[in-house]
Amino acid sequence: MVTTPTDLEVAMEIGISETEVKRYRGDTFLLGDGAWLVHFGYTMPKELRARLTGSFTLIFKPHMAVSDRRRPG
């Protein structure tokens, strides 16, 4: 995945609404393995953080398209 994950994609990954992602999402960085490190603000309510690490982050790994013939090694 070359483009930054959208708020909707992040919301679906962690099980909260797109509006909540927009409200609390901070910086997003591309990692060397193609995954994205998504930061959230410290004001994010505890009940919305269940799928995040203790440092208010999410590692968003892109899903392979069905048409992509490459396979993870």
PDB file of N, CA and C in Angstrom:
ATOM      1  N   MET A   1       0.857  -1.164   0.000  1.00  0.00           N
ATOM      2  CA  MET A   1       0.000   0.000   0.000  1.00  0.00           C
ATOM      3  C   MET A   1       0.902   1.226   0.000  1.00  0.00           C
ATOM      4  N   VAL A   2       0.784   2.033  -1.026  1.00  0.00           N
ATOM      5  CA  VAL A   2       1.630   3.205  -1.173  1.00  0.00           C
ATOM      6  C   VAL A   2       0.952   4.446  -0.605  1.00  0.00           C
ATOM      7  N   THR A   3      -0.354   4.450  -0.579  1.00  0.00           N
ATOM      8  CA  THR A   3      -1.082   5.619  -0.078  1.00  0.00           C
ATOM      9  C   THR A   3      -1.455   5.428   1.392  1.00  0.00           C
ATOM     10  N   THR A   4      -1.524   6.527   2.098  1.00  0.00           N
ATOM     11  CA  THR A   4      -1.902   6.519   3.515  1.00  0.00           C
ATOM     12  C   THR A   4      -3.293   5.908   3.675  1.00  0.00           C
ATOM     13  N   PRO A   5      -3.488   5.033   4.661  1.00  0.00           N
ATOM     14  CA  PRO A   5      -4.825   4.467   4.869  1.00  0.00           C
ATOM     15  C   PRO A   5      -5.839   5.568   5.190  1.00  0.00           C
ATOM     16  N   THR A   6      -7.015   5.420   4.650  1.00  0.00           N
ATOM     17  CA  THR A   6      -8.070   6.408   4.877  1.00  0.00           C
ATOM     18  C   THR A   6      -8.642   6.253   6.289  1.00  0.00           C
ATOM     19  N   ASP A   7      -9.361   7.273   6.722  1.00  0.00           N
ATOM     20  CA  ASP A   7     -10.024   7.196   8.028  1.00  0.00           C
ATOM     21  C   ASP A   7     -11.002   6.028   8.073  1.00  0.00           C
ATOM     22  N   LEU A   8     -11.681   5.776   6.965  1.00  0.00           N
ATOM     23  CA  LEU A   8     -12.634   4.658   6.914  1.00  0.00           C
ATOM     24  C   LEU A   8     -11.916   3.323   7.060  1.00  0.00           C
ATOM     25  N   GLU A   9     -10.786   3.150   6.378  1.00  0.00           N
ATOM     26  CA  GLU A   9     -10.025   1.897   6.491  1.00  0.00           C
ATOM     27  C   GLU A   9      -9.535   1.677   7.922  1.00  0.00           C
ATOM     28  N   VAL A  10      -9.035   2.734   8.544  1.00  0.00           N
ATOM     29  CA  VAL A  10      -8.566   2.630   9.924  1.00  0.00           C
ATOM     30  C   VAL A  10      -9.739   2.324  10.857  1.00  0.00           C
ATOM     31  N   ALA A  11     -10.863   2.992  10.637  1.00  0.00           N
ATOM     32  CA  ALA A  11     -12.055   2.758  11.462  1.00  0.00           C
ATOM     33  C   ALA A  11     -12.503   1.304  11.382  1.00  0.00           C
ATOM     34  N   MET A  12     -12.522   0.755  10.189  1.00  0.00           N
ATOM     35  CA  MET A  12     -12.932  -0.640  10.018  1.00  0.00           C
ATOM     36  C   MET A  12     -11.945  -1.586  10.698  1.00  0.00           C
ATOM     37  N   GLU A  13     -10.675  -1.248  10.674  1.00  0.00           N
ATOM     38  CA  GLU A  13      -9.639  -2.092  11.279  1.00  0.00           C
ATOM     39  C   GLU A  13      -9.751  -2.145  12.800  1.00  0.00           C
ATOM     40  N   ILE A  14     -10.096  -1.014  13.434  1.00  0.00           N
ATOM     41  CA  ILE A  14     -10.127  -0.998  14.899  1.00  0.00           C
ATOM     42  C   ILE A  14     -11.532  -0.984  15.489  1.00  0.00           C
ATOM     43  N   GLY A  15     -12.545  -0.973  14.635  1.00  0.00           N
ATOM     44  CA  GLY A  15     -13.915  -1.128  15.119  1.00  0.00           C
ATOM     45  C   GLY A  15     -14.528   0.108  15.752  1.00  0.00           C
ATOM     46  N   ILE A  16     -14.149   1.285  15.255  1.00  0.00           N
ATOM     47  CA  ILE A  16     -14.792   2.521  15.718  1.00  0.00           C
ATOM     48  C   ILE A  16     -15.306   3.265  14.495  1.00  0.00           C
ATOM     49  N   SER A  17     -16.002   4.376  14.698  1.00  0.00           N
ATOM     50  CA  SER A  17     -16.568   5.095  13.560  1.00  0.00           C
ATOM     51  C   SER A  17     -15.512   5.941  12.851  1.00  0.00           C
ATOM     52  N   GLU A  18     -15.783   6.252  11.613  1.00  0.00           N
ATOM     53  CA  GLU A  18     -14.898   7.105  10.828  1.00  0.00           C
ATOM     54  C   GLU A  18     -14.786   8.495  11.471  1.00  0.00           C
ATOM     55  N   THR A  19     -15.876   8.995  12.016  1.00  0.00           N
ATOM     56  CA  THR A  19     -15.879  10.294  12.697  1.00  0.00           C
ATOM     57  C   THR A  19     -14.940  10.280  13.899  1.00  0.00           C
ATOM     58  N   GLU A  20     -14.947   9.178  14.661  1.00  0.00           N
ATOM     59  CA  GLU A  20     -14.057   9.067  15.814  1.00  0.00           C
ATOM     60  C   GLU A  20     -12.598   9.017  15.385  1.00  0.00           C
ATOM     61  N   VAL A  21     -12.317   8.327  14.284  1.00  0.00           N
ATOM     62  CA  VAL A  21     -10.949   8.303  13.759  1.00  0.00           C
ATOM     63  C   VAL A  21     -10.528   9.724  13.377  1.00  0.00           C
ATOM     64  N   LYS A  22     -11.387  10.437  12.652  1.00  0.00           N
ATOM     65  CA  LYS A  22     -11.068  11.816  12.247  1.00  0.00           C
ATOM     66  C   LYS A  22     -10.798  12.702  13.456  1.00  0.00           C
ATOM     67  N   ARG A  23     -11.547  12.512  14.515  1.00  0.00           N
ATOM     68  CA  ARG A  23     -11.416  13.344  15.710  1.00  0.00           C
ATOM     69  C   ARG A  23     -10.105  13.108  16.448  1.00  0.00           C
ATOM     70  N   TYR A  24      -9.652  11.855  16.541  1.00  0.00           N
ATOM     71  CA  TYR A  24      -8.512  11.518  17.390  1.00  0.00           C
ATOM     72  C   TYR A  24      -7.232  11.140  16.645  1.00  0.00           C
ATOM     73  N   ARG A  25      -7.293  10.968  15.339  1.00  0.00           N
ATOM     74  CA  ARG A  25      -6.118  10.544  14.575  1.00  0.00           C
ATOM     75  C   ARG A  25      -5.067  11.645  14.535  1.00  0.00           C
ATOM     76  N   GLY A  26      -3.815  11.230  14.718  1.00  0.00           N
ATOM     77  CA  GLY A  26      -2.688  12.149  14.641  1.00  0.00           C
ATOM     78  C   GLY A  26      -1.861  11.849  13.408  1.00  0.00           C
ATOM     79  N   ASP A  27      -0.558  11.717  13.601  1.00  0.00           N
ATOM     80  CA  ASP A  27       0.358  11.453  12.485  1.00  0.00           C
ATOM     81  C   ASP A  27       0.275  10.013  12.012  1.00  0.00           C
ATOM     82  N   THR A  28       0.639   9.816  10.744  1.00  0.00           N
ATOM     83  CA  THR A  28       0.701   8.491  10.145  1.00  0.00           C
ATOM     84  C   THR A  28       2.023   8.377   9.402  1.00  0.00           C
ATOM     85  N   PHE A  29       2.764   7.288   9.661  1.00  0.00           N
ATOM     86  CA  PHE A  29       4.084   7.108   9.060  1.00  0.00           C
ATOM     87  C   PHE A  29       4.170   5.760   8.349  1.00  0.00           C
ATOM     88  N   LEU A  30       4.780   5.759   7.172  1.00  0.00           N
ATOM     89  CA  LEU A  30       5.029   4.525   6.427  1.00  0.00           C
ATOM     90  C   LEU A  30       6.256   3.839   7.018  1.00  0.00           C
ATOM     91  N   LEU A  31       6.132   2.567   7.344  1.00  0.00           N
ATOM     92  CA  LEU A  31       7.235   1.782   7.884  1.00  0.00           C
ATOM     93  C   LEU A  31       7.953   1.044   6.761  1.00  0.00           C
ATOM     94  N   GLY A  32       9.131   0.559   7.033  1.00  0.00           N
ATOM     95  CA  GLY A  32       9.956  -0.102   6.026  1.00  0.00           C
ATOM     96  C   GLY A  32       9.347  -1.349   5.413  1.00  0.00           C
ATOM     97  N   ASP A  33       8.467  -2.020   6.143  1.00  0.00           N
ATOM     98  CA  ASP A  33       7.857  -3.255   5.631  1.00  0.00           C
ATOM     99  C   ASP A  33       6.563  -3.003   4.864  1.00  0.00           C
ATOM    100  N   GLY A  34       6.209  -1.732   4.654  1.00  0.00           N
ATOM    101  CA  GLY A  34       4.990  -1.404   3.913  1.00  0.00           C
ATOM    102  C   GLY A  34       3.773  -1.175   4.800  1.00  0.00           C
ATOM    103  N   ALA A  35       3.911  -1.440   6.098  1.00  0.00           N
ATOM    104  CA  ALA A  35       2.819  -1.177   7.036  1.00  0.00           C
ATOM    105  C   ALA A  35       2.823   0.308   7.401  1.00  0.00           C
ATOM    106  N   TRP A  36       1.740   0.758   8.015  1.00  0.00           N
ATOM    107  CA  TRP A  36       1.614   2.155   8.438  1.00  0.00           C
ATOM    108  C   TRP A  36       1.482   2.215   9.947  1.00  0.00           C
ATOM    109  N   LEU A  37       2.188   3.156  10.563  1.00  0.00           N
ATOM    110  CA  LEU A  37       2.083   3.414  11.984  1.00  0.00           C
ATOM    111  C   LEU A  37       1.151   4.608  12.142  1.00  0.00           C
ATOM    112  N   VAL A  38      -0.014   4.380  12.760  1.00  0.00           N
ATOM    113  CA  VAL A  38      -1.033   5.415  12.910  1.00  0.00           C
ATOM    114  C   VAL A  38      -1.105   5.810  14.383  1.00  0.00           C
ATOM    115  N   HIS A  39      -0.861   7.094  14.666  1.00  0.00           N
ATOM    116  CA  HIS A  39      -0.916   7.612  16.033  1.00  0.00           C
ATOM    117  C   HIS A  39      -2.274   8.230  16.304  1.00  0.00           C
ATOM    118  N   PHE A  40      -2.714   8.117  17.538  1.00  0.00           N
ATOM    119  CA  PHE A  40      -3.957   8.748  17.989  1.00  0.00           C
ATOM    120  C   PHE A  40      -3.657   9.644  19.178  1.00  0.00           C
ATOM    121  N   GLY A  41      -4.493  10.654  19.378  1.00  0.00           N
ATOM    122  CA  GLY A  41      -4.316  11.610  20.467  1.00  0.00           C
ATOM    123  C   GLY A  41      -4.608  11.010  21.827  1.00  0.00           C
ATOM    124  N   TYR A  42      -3.966  11.575  22.861  1.00  0.00           N
ATOM    125  CA  TYR A  42      -4.135  11.095  24.230  1.00  0.00           C
ATOM    126  C   TYR A  42      -5.528  11.394  24.780  1.00  0.00           C
ATOM    127  N   THR A  43      -6.270  12.238  24.106  1.00  0.00           N
ATOM    128  CA  THR A  43      -7.621  12.561  24.564  1.00  0.00           C
ATOM    129  C   THR A  43      -8.644  11.519  24.117  1.00  0.00           C
ATOM    130  N   MET A  44      -8.195  10.523  23.352  1.00  0.00           N
ATOM    131  CA  MET A  44      -9.099   9.475  22.876  1.00  0.00           C
ATOM    132  C   MET A  44      -9.639   8.691  24.079  1.00  0.00           C
ATOM    133  N   PRO A  45     -10.965   8.575  24.206  1.00  0.00           N
ATOM    134  CA  PRO A  45     -11.553   7.850  25.338  1.00  0.00           C
ATOM    135  C   PRO A  45     -11.082   6.394  25.418  1.00  0.00           C
ATOM    136  N   LYS A  46     -10.930   5.911  26.614  1.00  0.00           N
ATOM    137  CA  LYS A  46     -10.414   4.561  26.862  1.00  0.00           C
ATOM    138  C   LYS A  46     -11.211   3.487  26.129  1.00  0.00           C
ATOM    139  N   GLU A  47     -12.512   3.630  26.084  1.00  0.00           N
ATOM    140  CA  GLU A  47     -13.351   2.598  25.451  1.00  0.00           C
ATOM    141  C   GLU A  47     -13.125   2.505  23.941  1.00  0.00           C
ATOM    142  N   LEU A  48     -12.518   3.506  23.330  1.00  0.00           N
ATOM    143  CA  LEU A  48     -12.230   3.473  21.888  1.00  0.00           C
ATOM    144  C   LEU A  48     -10.837   2.932  21.595  1.00  0.00           C
ATOM    145  N   ARG A  49     -10.023   2.741  22.622  1.00  0.00           N
ATOM    146  CA  ARG A  49      -8.619   2.358  22.447  1.00  0.00           C
ATOM    147  C   ARG A  49      -8.348   0.864  22.548  1.00  0.00           C
ATOM    148  N   ALA A  50      -9.343   0.041  22.603  1.00  0.00           N
ATOM    149  CA  ALA A  50      -9.151  -1.388  22.863  1.00  0.00           C
ATOM    150  C   ALA A  50      -8.201  -2.064  21.870  1.00  0.00           C
ATOM    151  N   ARG A  51      -8.193  -1.635  20.627  1.00  0.00           N
ATOM    152  CA  ARG A  51      -7.360  -2.282  19.599  1.00  0.00           C
ATOM    153  C   ARG A  51      -6.030  -1.563  19.363  1.00  0.00           C
ATOM    154  N   LEU A  52      -5.706  -0.581  20.206  1.00  0.00           N
ATOM    155  CA  LEU A  52      -4.462   0.167  20.062  1.00  0.00           C
ATOM    156  C   LEU A  52      -3.437  -0.317  21.077  1.00  0.00           C
ATOM    157  N   THR A  53      -2.164   0.000  20.818  1.00  0.00           N
ATOM    158  CA  THR A  53      -1.120  -0.329  21.791  1.00  0.00           C
ATOM    159  C   THR A  53      -1.176   0.673  22.920  1.00  0.00           C
ATOM    160  N   GLY A  54      -0.395   0.456  23.960  1.00  0.00           N
ATOM    161  CA  GLY A  54      -0.351   1.366  25.088  1.00  0.00           C
ATOM    162  C   GLY A  54       0.143   2.753  24.724  1.00  0.00           C
ATOM    163  N   SER A  55       0.784   2.882  23.579  1.00  0.00           N
ATOM    164  CA  SER A  55       1.289   4.183  23.153  1.00  0.00           C
ATOM    165  C   SER A  55       0.350   4.856  22.148  1.00  0.00           C
ATOM    166  N   PHE A  56      -0.919   4.466  22.163  1.00  0.00           N
ATOM    167  CA  PHE A  56      -1.945   5.079  21.308  1.00  0.00           C
ATOM    168  C   PHE A  56      -1.614   4.944  19.817  1.00  0.00           C
ATOM    169  N   THR A  57      -1.106   3.787  19.428  1.00  0.00           N
ATOM    170  CA  THR A  57      -0.760   3.575  18.025  1.00  0.00           C
ATOM    171  C   THR A  57      -1.402   2.306  17.480  1.00  0.00           C
ATOM    172  N   LEU A  58      -1.489   2.268  16.177  1.00  0.00           N
ATOM    173  CA  LEU A  58      -1.983   1.107  15.441  1.00  0.00           C
ATOM    174  C   LEU A  58      -0.986   0.811  14.341  1.00  0.00           C
ATOM    175  N   ILE A  59      -0.612  -0.449  14.174  1.00  0.00           N
ATOM    176  CA  ILE A  59       0.169  -0.863  13.013  1.00  0.00           C
ATOM    177  C   ILE A  59      -0.844  -1.357  11.993  1.00  0.00           C
ATOM    178  N   PHE A  60      -1.003  -0.594  10.916  1.00  0.00           N
ATOM    179  CA  PHE A  60      -1.977  -0.920   9.872  1.00  0.00           C
ATOM    180  C   PHE A  60      -1.244  -1.626   8.754  1.00  0.00           C
ATOM    181  N   LYS A  61      -1.506  -2.915   8.607  1.00  0.00           N
ATOM    182  CA  LYS A  61      -0.867  -3.712   7.558  1.00  0.00           C
ATOM    183  C   LYS A  61      -1.817  -3.831   6.385  1.00  0.00           C
ATOM    184  N   PRO A  62      -1.342  -3.465   5.197  1.00  0.00           N
ATOM    185  CA  PRO A  62      -2.225  -3.540   4.026  1.00  0.00           C
ATOM    186  C   PRO A  62      -2.595  -4.985   3.717  1.00  0.00           C
ATOM    187  N   HIS A  63      -3.805  -5.158   3.255  1.00  0.00           N
ATOM    188  CA  HIS A  63      -4.272  -6.480   2.853  1.00  0.00           C
ATOM    189  C   HIS A  63      -3.949  -6.689   1.383  1.00  0.00           C
ATOM    190  N   MET A  64      -3.520  -7.880   1.040  1.00  0.00           N
ATOM    191  CA  MET A  64      -3.187  -8.173  -0.361  1.00  0.00           C
ATOM    192  C   MET A  64      -4.458  -8.292  -1.192  1.00  0.00           C
ATOM    193  N   ALA A  65      -4.412  -7.731  -2.371  1.00  0.00           N
ATOM    194  CA  ALA A  65      -5.533  -7.845  -3.298  1.00  0.00           C
ATOM    195  C   ALA A  65      -5.596  -9.272  -3.825  1.00  0.00           C
ATOM    196  N   VAL A  66      -6.786  -9.727  -4.136  1.00  0.00           N
ATOM    197  CA  VAL A  66      -6.970 -11.079  -4.667  1.00  0.00           C
ATOM    198  C   VAL A  66      -6.174 -11.248  -5.962  1.00  0.00           C
ATOM    199  N   SER A  67      -6.064 -10.185  -6.745  1.00  0.00           N
ATOM    200  CA  SER A  67      -5.354 -10.254  -8.022  1.00  0.00           C
ATOM    201  C   SER A  67      -3.833 -10.206  -7.873  1.00  0.00           C
ATOM    202  N   ASP A  68      -3.320  -9.929  -6.673  1.00  0.00           N
ATOM    203  CA  ASP A  68      -1.882  -9.864  -6.440  1.00  0.00           C
ATOM    204  C   ASP A  68      -1.324 -11.267  -6.336  1.00  0.00           C
ATOM    205  N   ARG A  69      -0.460 -11.630  -7.253  1.00  0.00           N
ATOM    206  CA  ARG A  69       0.074 -12.997  -7.294  1.00  0.00           C
ATOM    207  C   ARG A  69       1.245 -13.213  -6.336  1.00  0.00           C
ATOM    208  N   ARG A  70       1.772 -12.142  -5.794  1.00  0.00           N
ATOM    209  CA  ARG A  70       2.873 -12.282  -4.818  1.00  0.00           C
ATOM    210  C   ARG A  70       2.306 -12.921  -3.550  1.00  0.00           C
ATOM    211  N   ARG A  71       3.085 -13.717  -2.921  1.00  0.00           N
ATOM    212  CA  ARG A  71       2.665 -14.382  -1.695  1.00  0.00           C
ATOM    213  C   ARG A  71       3.702 -14.101  -0.609  1.00  0.00           C
ATOM    214  N   PRO A  72       3.217 -13.874   0.602  1.00  0.00           N
ATOM    215  CA  PRO A  72       4.179 -13.629   1.685  1.00  0.00           C
ATOM    216  C   PRO A  72       5.092 -14.836   1.865  1.00  0.00           C
ATOM    217  N   GLY A  73       6.355 -14.581   2.144  1.00  0.00           N
ATOM    218  CA  GLY A  73       7.338 -15.649   2.281  1.00  0.00           C
ATOM    219  C   GLY A  73       7.383 -16.124   3.639  1.00  0.00           C
TER     220      GLY A  73
END
